[in-house]
Amino acid sequence: MEAITLDDAMAAYEEDNYEVSFPLLVQLSKQSKDPEVTYMLGVHYHNGMGVAKDLQKAIELWKKASKNGCVDAQYALLEITQTTSQCCKG
């Protein structure tokens, strides 16, 4: 069986197929510490895509991704909190 990749999850996401992209991201997060995977899980939780909307879970995931260098997660935290205290401290 071929290993799944972030590209697989992103292809499903870009087709608005969140019932596929979310489980792929969950699986990837168990196999990898890629901050982009963590960030995208946060996006799914923030918007309720393929999973129940959970703002606190999204923030938790974005903080983790941000600490691991994901600029998109830092920006998402900045947008949602309107303060740099959540996004820009390592």
N, C-alpha and C. Protein backbone atom coordinates (compact mmCIF):
# COMPACT_ATOMS: atom_id res chain seq x y z
N MET A 1 0.84 -1.19 0.00
CA MET A 1 0.00 0.00 0.00
C MET A 1 0.88 1.25 0.00
N GLU A 2 0.51 2.22 -0.79
CA GLU A 2 1.27 3.45 -0.93
C GLU A 2 1.05 4.34 0.29
N ALA A 3 2.12 4.94 0.76
CA ALA A 3 2.03 5.85 1.91
C ALA A 3 1.29 7.12 1.50
N ILE A 4 0.47 7.62 2.41
CA ILE A 4 -0.23 8.87 2.14
C ILE A 4 0.72 10.04 2.39
N THR A 5 0.44 11.13 1.71
CA THR A 5 1.27 12.32 1.84
C THR A 5 0.39 13.53 2.10
N LEU A 6 1.04 14.62 2.49
CA LEU A 6 0.31 15.87 2.66
C LEU A 6 -0.33 16.29 1.34
N ASP A 7 0.32 15.99 0.23
CA ASP A 7 -0.25 16.31 -1.08
C ASP A 7 -1.59 15.61 -1.29
N ASP A 8 -1.71 14.36 -0.81
CA ASP A 8 -2.98 13.63 -0.93
C ASP A 8 -4.07 14.36 -0.15
N ALA A 9 -3.76 14.74 1.08
CA ALA A 9 -4.74 15.44 1.92
C ALA A 9 -5.10 16.80 1.32
N MET A 10 -4.10 17.50 0.80
CA MET A 10 -4.36 18.82 0.22
C MET A 10 -5.19 18.72 -1.06
N ALA A 11 -4.99 17.67 -1.83
CA ALA A 11 -5.79 17.49 -3.04
C ALA A 11 -7.26 17.33 -2.67
N ALA A 12 -7.55 16.53 -1.64
CA ALA A 12 -8.93 16.35 -1.19
C ALA A 12 -9.47 17.66 -0.63
N TYR A 13 -8.64 18.38 0.13
CA TYR A 13 -9.05 19.67 0.72
C TYR A 13 -9.42 20.66 -0.38
N GLU A 14 -8.59 20.75 -1.40
CA GLU A 14 -8.82 21.70 -2.48
C GLU A 14 -10.06 21.35 -3.30
N GLU A 15 -10.50 20.10 -3.22
CA GLU A 15 -11.74 19.69 -3.89
C GLU A 15 -12.94 19.78 -2.94
N ASP A 16 -12.74 20.43 -1.78
CA ASP A 16 -13.78 20.56 -0.74
C ASP A 16 -14.27 19.20 -0.25
N ASN A 17 -13.40 18.21 -0.30
CA ASN A 17 -13.74 16.86 0.14
C ASN A 17 -13.14 16.65 1.54
N TYR A 18 -13.74 17.33 2.52
CA TYR A 18 -13.20 17.35 3.88
C TYR A 18 -13.38 16.02 4.61
N GLU A 19 -14.35 15.22 4.18
CA GLU A 19 -14.54 13.90 4.78
C GLU A 19 -13.38 12.98 4.44
N VAL A 20 -12.62 13.34 3.42
CA VAL A 20 -11.41 12.59 3.05
C VAL A 20 -10.17 13.29 3.61
N SER A 21 -10.10 14.61 3.45
CA SER A 21 -8.89 15.33 3.86
C SER A 21 -8.66 15.26 5.37
N PHE A 22 -9.72 15.40 6.17
CA PHE A 22 -9.54 15.39 7.62
C PHE A 22 -8.95 14.06 8.12
N PRO A 23 -9.53 12.90 7.76
CA PRO A 23 -8.92 11.64 8.24
C PRO A 23 -7.49 11.43 7.73
N LEU A 24 -7.22 11.89 6.52
CA LEU A 24 -5.84 11.77 6.01
C LEU A 24 -4.89 12.60 6.86
N LEU A 25 -5.30 13.80 7.22
CA LEU A 25 -4.47 14.66 8.06
C LEU A 25 -4.27 14.05 9.45
N VAL A 26 -5.33 13.47 10.00
CA VAL A 26 -5.21 12.82 11.31
C VAL A 26 -4.18 11.69 11.23
N GLN A 27 -4.28 10.89 10.18
CA GLN A 27 -3.34 9.78 10.00
C GLN A 27 -1.91 10.31 9.83
N LEU A 28 -1.76 11.34 9.03
CA LEU A 28 -0.43 11.92 8.83
C LEU A 28 0.15 12.48 10.12
N SER A 29 -0.72 13.08 10.94
CA SER A 29 -0.23 13.66 12.20
C SER A 29 0.30 12.60 13.15
N LYS A 30 -0.20 11.39 13.02
CA LYS A 30 0.29 10.28 13.85
C LYS A 30 1.62 9.75 13.35
N GLN A 31 1.91 9.96 12.08
CA GLN A 31 3.13 9.44 11.46
C GLN A 31 4.24 10.48 11.39
N SER A 32 3.91 11.75 11.52
CA SER A 32 4.87 12.81 11.27
C SER A 32 4.63 13.98 12.22
N LYS A 33 5.65 14.75 12.42
CA LYS A 33 5.54 15.97 13.24
C LYS A 33 5.54 17.21 12.35
N ASP A 34 5.16 17.04 11.09
CA ASP A 34 5.15 18.13 10.11
C ASP A 34 4.22 19.24 10.60
N PRO A 35 4.74 20.45 10.81
CA PRO A 35 3.89 21.55 11.30
C PRO A 35 2.80 21.95 10.30
N GLU A 36 3.01 21.69 9.01
CA GLU A 36 1.98 22.01 8.02
C GLU A 36 0.76 21.10 8.19
N VAL A 37 1.00 19.84 8.56
CA VAL A 37 -0.10 18.91 8.83
C VAL A 37 -0.88 19.41 10.04
N THR A 38 -0.16 19.78 11.08
CA THR A 38 -0.80 20.28 12.30
C THR A 38 -1.60 21.55 12.01
N TYR A 39 -1.03 22.44 11.21
CA TYR A 39 -1.73 23.66 10.83
C TYR A 39 -3.04 23.34 10.09
N MET A 40 -2.97 22.43 9.13
CA MET A 40 -4.16 22.10 8.34
C MET A 40 -5.23 21.42 9.20
N LEU A 41 -4.82 20.63 10.18
CA LEU A 41 -5.81 20.08 11.12
C LEU A 41 -6.52 21.22 11.84
N GLY A 42 -5.75 22.22 12.23
CA GLY A 42 -6.35 23.39 12.88
C GLY A 42 -7.35 24.10 11.99
N VAL A 43 -7.03 24.21 10.72
CA VAL A 43 -7.95 24.83 9.76
C VAL A 43 -9.27 24.05 9.72
N HIS A 44 -9.18 22.74 9.70
CA HIS A 44 -10.38 21.91 9.68
C HIS A 44 -11.22 22.12 10.94
N TYR A 45 -10.56 22.15 12.09
CA TYR A 45 -11.30 22.38 13.34
C TYR A 45 -11.87 23.79 13.40
N HIS A 46 -11.13 24.76 12.95
CA HIS A 46 -11.58 26.15 12.99
C HIS A 46 -12.84 26.36 12.15
N ASN A 47 -12.89 25.70 11.01
CA ASN A 47 -14.00 25.90 10.08
C ASN A 47 -15.06 24.79 10.11
N GLY A 48 -14.84 23.76 10.93
CA GLY A 48 -15.80 22.66 10.98
C GLY A 48 -15.83 21.87 9.68
N MET A 49 -14.67 21.59 9.14
CA MET A 49 -14.57 20.88 7.86
C MET A 49 -14.27 19.41 8.10
N GLY A 50 -15.29 18.56 7.96
CA GLY A 50 -15.10 17.12 8.17
C GLY A 50 -15.04 16.73 9.63
N VAL A 51 -15.24 17.70 10.50
CA VAL A 51 -15.17 17.51 11.95
C VAL A 51 -15.98 18.63 12.59
N ALA A 52 -16.46 18.39 13.81
CA ALA A 52 -17.21 19.44 14.50
C ALA A 52 -16.31 20.66 14.73
N LYS A 53 -16.86 21.84 14.53
CA LYS A 53 -16.12 23.07 14.73
C LYS A 53 -15.67 23.16 16.19
N ASP A 54 -14.38 23.45 16.40
CA ASP A 54 -13.83 23.51 17.75
C ASP A 54 -12.70 24.54 17.75
N LEU A 55 -13.03 25.77 18.12
CA LEU A 55 -12.08 26.87 18.08
C LEU A 55 -10.90 26.63 19.02
N GLN A 56 -11.16 26.10 20.19
CA GLN A 56 -10.07 25.85 21.15
C GLN A 56 -9.09 24.81 20.61
N LYS A 57 -9.60 23.77 19.97
CA LYS A 57 -8.73 22.74 19.38
C LYS A 57 -7.91 23.35 18.24
N ALA A 58 -8.53 24.21 17.44
CA ALA A 58 -7.81 24.87 16.35
C ALA A 58 -6.66 25.70 16.90
N ILE A 59 -6.94 26.47 17.94
CA ILE A 59 -5.90 27.31 18.55
C ILE A 59 -4.77 26.45 19.11
N GLU A 60 -5.13 25.37 19.78
CA GLU A 60 -4.14 24.45 20.34
C GLU A 60 -3.22 23.89 19.23
N LEU A 61 -3.83 23.48 18.13
CA LEU A 61 -3.06 22.94 17.02
C LEU A 61 -2.19 24.01 16.37
N TRP A 62 -2.74 25.20 16.21
CA TRP A 62 -1.97 26.28 15.60
C TRP A 62 -0.81 26.71 16.48
N LYS A 63 -0.99 26.69 17.79
CA LYS A 63 0.12 27.02 18.69
C LYS A 63 1.24 26.00 18.52
N LYS A 64 0.87 24.72 18.45
CA LYS A 64 1.86 23.66 18.27
C LYS A 64 2.60 23.83 16.94
N ALA A 65 1.85 24.08 15.87
CA ALA A 65 2.47 24.27 14.55
C ALA A 65 3.34 25.52 14.53
N SER A 66 2.87 26.56 15.18
CA SER A 66 3.62 27.81 15.25
C SER A 66 4.96 27.61 15.94
N LYS A 67 4.95 26.90 17.04
CA LYS A 67 6.20 26.62 17.77
C LYS A 67 7.18 25.81 16.94
N ASN A 68 6.66 25.08 15.97
CA ASN A 68 7.51 24.27 15.09
C ASN A 68 7.82 24.98 13.77
N GLY A 69 7.56 26.28 13.74
CA GLY A 69 8.01 27.09 12.61
C GLY A 69 7.03 27.33 11.49
N CYS A 70 5.77 26.98 11.66
CA CYS A 70 4.78 27.17 10.59
C CYS A 70 4.29 28.63 10.59
N VAL A 71 4.67 29.36 9.57
CA VAL A 71 4.29 30.77 9.46
C VAL A 71 2.78 30.91 9.28
N ASP A 72 2.15 30.00 8.54
CA ASP A 72 0.70 30.06 8.35
C ASP A 72 -0.02 29.95 9.69
N ALA A 73 0.48 29.10 10.57
CA ALA A 73 -0.13 28.96 11.90
C ALA A 73 0.07 30.22 12.72
N GLN A 74 1.24 30.83 12.61
CA GLN A 74 1.49 32.09 13.32
C GLN A 74 0.52 33.16 12.85
N TYR A 75 0.30 33.22 11.56
CA TYR A 75 -0.62 34.20 11.00
C TYR A 75 -2.06 33.92 11.46
N ALA A 76 -2.45 32.64 11.44
CA ALA A 76 -3.81 32.28 11.87
C ALA A 76 -4.03 32.68 13.32
N LEU A 77 -3.05 32.45 14.17
CA LEU A 77 -3.17 32.86 15.58
C LEU A 77 -3.25 34.37 15.71
N LEU A 78 -2.47 35.07 14.94
CA LEU A 78 -2.51 36.52 14.96
C LEU A 78 -3.89 37.02 14.54
N GLU A 79 -4.43 36.43 13.49
CA GLU A 79 -5.76 36.82 13.00
C GLU A 79 -6.85 36.55 14.05
N ILE A 80 -6.78 35.40 14.68
CA ILE A 80 -7.86 35.00 15.58
C ILE A 80 -7.78 35.69 16.94
N THR A 81 -6.56 35.97 17.40
CA THR A 81 -6.39 36.57 18.72
C THR A 81 -6.22 38.08 18.67
N GLN A 82 -5.85 38.58 17.50
CA GLN A 82 -5.58 40.01 17.30
C GLN A 82 -4.47 40.52 18.23
N THR A 83 -3.57 39.60 18.61
CA THR A 83 -2.43 39.97 19.43
C THR A 83 -1.24 39.08 19.08
N THR A 84 -0.06 39.61 19.23
CA THR A 84 1.13 38.82 18.94
C THR A 84 1.52 37.91 20.11
N SER A 85 0.86 38.03 21.24
CA SER A 85 1.26 37.23 22.40
C SER A 85 1.05 35.73 22.16
N GLN A 86 0.11 35.35 21.31
CA GLN A 86 -0.16 33.94 21.04
C GLN A 86 0.72 33.38 19.92
N CYS A 87 1.08 34.22 18.96
CA CYS A 87 1.69 33.69 17.75
C CYS A 87 3.20 33.80 17.69
N CYS A 88 3.74 34.76 18.33
CA CYS A 88 5.11 35.11 17.98
C CYS A 88 6.13 34.87 19.08
N LYS A 89 5.82 34.05 20.03
CA LYS A 89 6.77 33.71 21.08
C LYS A 89 7.07 32.24 21.00
N GLY A 90 8.34 31.92 21.02
CA GLY A 90 8.76 30.53 20.90
C GLY A 90 8.84 29.88 22.20
